[in-house]
Amino acid sequence: MISLRRAPGERASWDRPLLFVVLWSIVELLLVTNPWQISSRLRVWALRRFGADIESGVVYRPRTRVRFPWKLRIGADSWIGEGVWIHNQAQVSIGHDVVISQDTFITTGSHAHRRDMALLTKPVVIDDGAWVTSRSMITGGVRIGRSALVRPMSLISSSIPENAIYGGNPAVQVGWRFSRPESNR
């Protein structure tokens, strides 16, 4: 058994003072997670004020969560669906024209479960044009390739090549989103 009382890593991924993190939590609750707040522009404005790098044309729906906006990058014209939770203890980079659909969970953190439960983090990259459909889960260290598609309720724990369609738990390739790439014919 591992004593959780002695587990290292509390606040290890914050990269900001306690007061800044607490202030972000309040702003997130009032302006980002709040289901009554109807303005995508206001949510994006709040995220940018706390360090998120968000390009123009991003649609950011209500009931979303972002653990640390200073570790978030979103490219132009992307859509972040209602209820998406980005638990980014490491960098999350989302390309342009990407759709992250409703209730998807993106996490960059895990724990050294056989040693001492220390926090382990790895970034997540979602390339241009990808579509992560509803209620999917993306774990740390994953790269979702350009124009790839993740089917609903899929667990993505390893990288996906461009243009591929993946689905299931664990996710496996089930086809190609557009025509099959020449190199694979």
Protein backbone atom coordinates (compact mmCIF):
# COMPACT_ATOMS: atom_id res chain seq x y z
CA MET A 1 0.00 0.00 0.00
CA ILE A 2 1.10 3.59 -0.66
CA SER A 3 0.56 6.29 1.96
CA LEU A 4 -1.28 9.09 0.17
CA ARG A 5 -0.45 11.45 3.01
CA ARG A 6 3.21 11.23 1.92
CA ALA A 7 2.58 11.40 -1.83
CA PRO A 8 4.70 14.11 -3.48
CA GLY A 9 3.45 16.58 -6.05
CA GLU A 10 0.79 18.78 -4.48
CA ARG A 11 0.91 22.07 -6.40
CA ALA A 12 3.79 20.72 -8.52
CA SER A 13 2.08 21.59 -11.79
CA TRP A 14 0.66 24.99 -10.87
CA ASP A 15 3.50 27.18 -12.20
CA ARG A 16 1.77 30.16 -10.57
CA PRO A 17 1.33 31.52 -7.02
CA LEU A 18 -1.56 30.28 -4.89
CA LEU A 19 -3.44 33.60 -5.12
CA PHE A 20 -3.35 33.53 -8.94
CA VAL A 21 -4.67 29.94 -9.02
CA VAL A 22 -7.46 30.79 -6.56
CA LEU A 23 -8.41 33.89 -8.57
CA TRP A 24 -8.54 31.77 -11.73
CA SER A 25 -10.85 29.29 -9.95
CA ILE A 26 -13.29 32.10 -9.14
CA VAL A 27 -13.21 33.55 -12.68
CA GLU A 28 -13.60 30.07 -14.16
CA LEU A 29 -16.69 29.42 -12.04
CA LEU A 30 -18.31 32.77 -12.86
CA LEU A 31 -17.42 33.15 -16.54
CA VAL A 32 -16.34 29.83 -18.05
CA THR A 33 -18.09 26.95 -16.28
CA ASN A 34 -21.27 28.91 -15.57
CA PRO A 35 -24.12 27.48 -17.73
CA TRP A 36 -25.99 30.79 -17.63
CA GLN A 37 -23.14 32.76 -19.16
CA ILE A 38 -24.04 32.79 -22.86
CA SER A 39 -21.12 34.69 -24.40
CA SER A 40 -18.38 32.64 -26.03
CA ARG A 41 -16.38 35.86 -26.41
CA LEU A 42 -16.48 36.50 -22.67
CA ARG A 43 -15.25 32.97 -21.91
CA VAL A 44 -12.39 33.36 -24.41
CA TRP A 45 -11.58 36.81 -22.98
CA ALA A 46 -11.35 35.37 -19.44
CA LEU A 47 -9.14 32.48 -20.57
CA ARG A 48 -6.82 34.88 -22.41
CA ARG A 49 -6.54 37.15 -19.35
CA PHE A 50 -5.16 34.15 -17.44
CA GLY A 51 -2.61 33.24 -20.09
CA ALA A 52 -4.40 31.01 -22.63
CA ASP A 53 -3.18 31.46 -26.20
CA ILE A 54 -6.45 31.45 -28.15
CA GLU A 55 -6.60 32.60 -31.76
CA SER A 56 -9.55 34.31 -33.47
CA GLY A 57 -12.87 32.68 -34.31
CA VAL A 58 -12.83 30.13 -31.48
CA VAL A 59 -16.29 29.11 -30.25
CA TYR A 60 -16.14 28.17 -26.58
CA ARG A 61 -19.39 26.79 -25.16
CA PRO A 62 -20.58 26.94 -21.50
CA ARG A 63 -20.09 24.38 -18.70
CA THR A 64 -16.42 23.92 -19.62
CA ARG A 65 -13.46 23.62 -17.28
CA VAL A 66 -9.80 24.47 -17.76
CA ARG A 67 -7.44 23.62 -14.92
CA PHE A 68 -4.64 25.99 -15.93
CA PRO A 69 -5.36 28.38 -18.83
CA TRP A 70 -1.67 29.37 -18.99
CA LYS A 71 -1.02 25.84 -20.31
CA LEU A 72 -3.61 25.99 -23.12
CA ARG A 73 -3.27 26.87 -26.79
CA ILE A 74 -6.21 26.82 -29.25
CA GLY A 75 -5.87 27.61 -32.95
CA ALA A 76 -8.24 29.73 -35.05
CA ASP A 77 -11.82 28.71 -35.79
CA SER A 78 -11.90 25.76 -33.39
CA TRP A 79 -15.00 24.72 -31.46
CA ILE A 80 -14.93 23.64 -27.82
CA GLY A 81 -18.22 21.93 -26.92
CA GLU A 82 -20.37 22.21 -23.86
CA GLY A 83 -19.09 20.38 -20.79
CA VAL A 84 -15.54 19.82 -22.08
CA TRP A 85 -13.01 19.46 -19.24
CA ILE A 86 -9.37 20.24 -20.02
CA HIS A 87 -7.45 19.07 -16.96
CA ASN A 88 -4.12 20.38 -18.22
CA GLN A 89 -1.38 19.96 -15.66
CA ALA A 90 0.92 20.01 -18.71
CA GLN A 91 0.48 21.85 -22.02
CA VAL A 92 -2.59 21.13 -24.18
CA SER A 93 -2.23 22.35 -27.77
CA ILE A 94 -5.29 22.31 -30.03
CA GLY A 95 -4.81 23.21 -33.70
CA HIS A 96 -7.03 25.29 -35.96
CA ASP A 97 -10.43 24.07 -37.21
CA VAL A 98 -10.59 21.43 -34.46
CA VAL A 99 -13.82 20.25 -32.84
CA ILE A 100 -13.78 18.98 -29.26
CA SER A 101 -17.37 17.79 -28.70
CA GLN A 102 -19.55 17.74 -25.60
CA ASP A 103 -18.39 16.26 -22.31
CA THR A 104 -14.97 15.23 -23.57
CA PHE A 105 -12.25 14.94 -20.91
CA ILE A 106 -8.63 15.79 -21.75
CA THR A 107 -6.10 15.05 -19.00
CA THR A 108 -2.34 15.43 -18.99
CA GLY A 109 -1.74 13.99 -15.53
CA SER A 110 -1.40 10.59 -13.91
CA HIS A 111 0.46 9.14 -10.94
CA ALA A 112 3.40 6.86 -10.23
CA HIS A 113 1.00 4.20 -8.94
CA ARG A 114 3.64 1.58 -8.11
CA ARG A 115 6.09 3.92 -6.43
CA ASP A 116 4.81 6.87 -4.40
CA MET A 117 1.79 8.32 -6.29
CA ALA A 118 3.91 11.28 -7.47
CA LEU A 119 2.29 13.37 -10.17
CA LEU A 120 3.38 12.48 -13.72
CA THR A 121 2.46 14.80 -16.59
CA LYS A 122 2.71 14.63 -20.38
CA PRO A 123 1.37 17.15 -22.93
CA VAL A 124 -1.50 16.53 -25.34
CA VAL A 125 -1.48 17.73 -28.96
CA ILE A 126 -4.56 17.74 -31.18
CA ASP A 127 -3.56 18.66 -34.73
CA ASP A 128 -5.41 20.87 -37.23
CA GLY A 129 -8.80 19.68 -38.47
CA ALA A 130 -9.22 16.84 -35.96
CA TRP A 131 -12.62 16.03 -34.49
CA VAL A 132 -12.88 14.49 -31.01
CA THR A 133 -16.54 13.53 -30.67
CA SER A 134 -18.67 13.52 -27.53
CA ARG A 135 -17.74 11.96 -24.21
CA SER A 136 -14.29 10.85 -25.27
CA MET A 137 -11.24 10.75 -23.01
CA ILE A 138 -7.75 11.79 -24.11
CA THR A 139 -4.79 10.98 -21.83
CA GLY A 140 -1.34 12.55 -21.45
CA GLY A 141 1.31 11.97 -24.09
CA VAL A 142 -1.23 11.59 -26.91
CA ARG A 143 -1.04 13.29 -30.30
CA ILE A 144 -4.17 13.21 -32.45
CA GLY A 145 -3.12 13.64 -36.08
CA ARG A 146 -4.35 16.15 -38.63
CA SER A 147 -7.99 15.55 -39.68
CA ALA A 148 -8.28 12.44 -37.47
CA LEU A 149 -11.66 11.57 -35.97
CA VAL A 150 -12.30 10.07 -32.53
CA ARG A 151 -15.68 8.32 -32.25
CA PRO A 152 -18.02 8.95 -29.28
CA MET A 153 -17.09 7.56 -25.86
CA SER A 154 -13.61 6.49 -26.92
CA LEU A 155 -10.53 6.20 -24.70
CA ILE A 156 -7.45 7.54 -26.48
CA SER A 157 -4.29 6.59 -24.61
CA SER A 158 -1.86 6.41 -27.54
CA SER A 159 -1.29 8.64 -30.54
CA ILE A 160 -3.48 8.55 -33.65
CA PRO A 161 -2.19 9.08 -37.20
CA GLU A 162 -3.57 11.80 -39.43
CA ASN A 163 -6.89 11.16 -41.20
CA ALA A 164 -7.58 8.00 -39.18
CA ILE A 165 -10.87 7.17 -37.45
CA TYR A 166 -10.47 5.61 -34.00
CA GLY A 167 -13.11 4.35 -31.61
CA GLY A 168 -13.72 2.17 -28.57
CA ASN A 169 -12.17 1.48 -25.19
CA PRO A 170 -9.32 1.07 -25.75
CA ALA A 171 -9.58 2.87 -29.09
CA VAL A 172 -8.56 1.08 -32.27
CA GLN A 173 -8.52 2.24 -35.86
CA VAL A 174 -11.83 1.59 -37.62
CA GLY A 175 -11.24 3.43 -40.90
CA TRP A 176 -10.16 6.58 -42.65
CA ARG A 177 -11.96 9.91 -42.34
CA PHE A 178 -11.34 10.97 -45.91
CA SER A 179 -9.84 8.92 -48.75
CA ARG A 180 -7.23 6.43 -47.65
CA PRO A 181 -3.69 7.92 -47.76
CA GLU A 182 -1.60 6.89 -50.79
CA SER A 183 1.19 5.45 -48.63
CA ASN A 184 -1.24 2.91 -47.11
CA ARG A 185 -2.84 1.53 -50.30
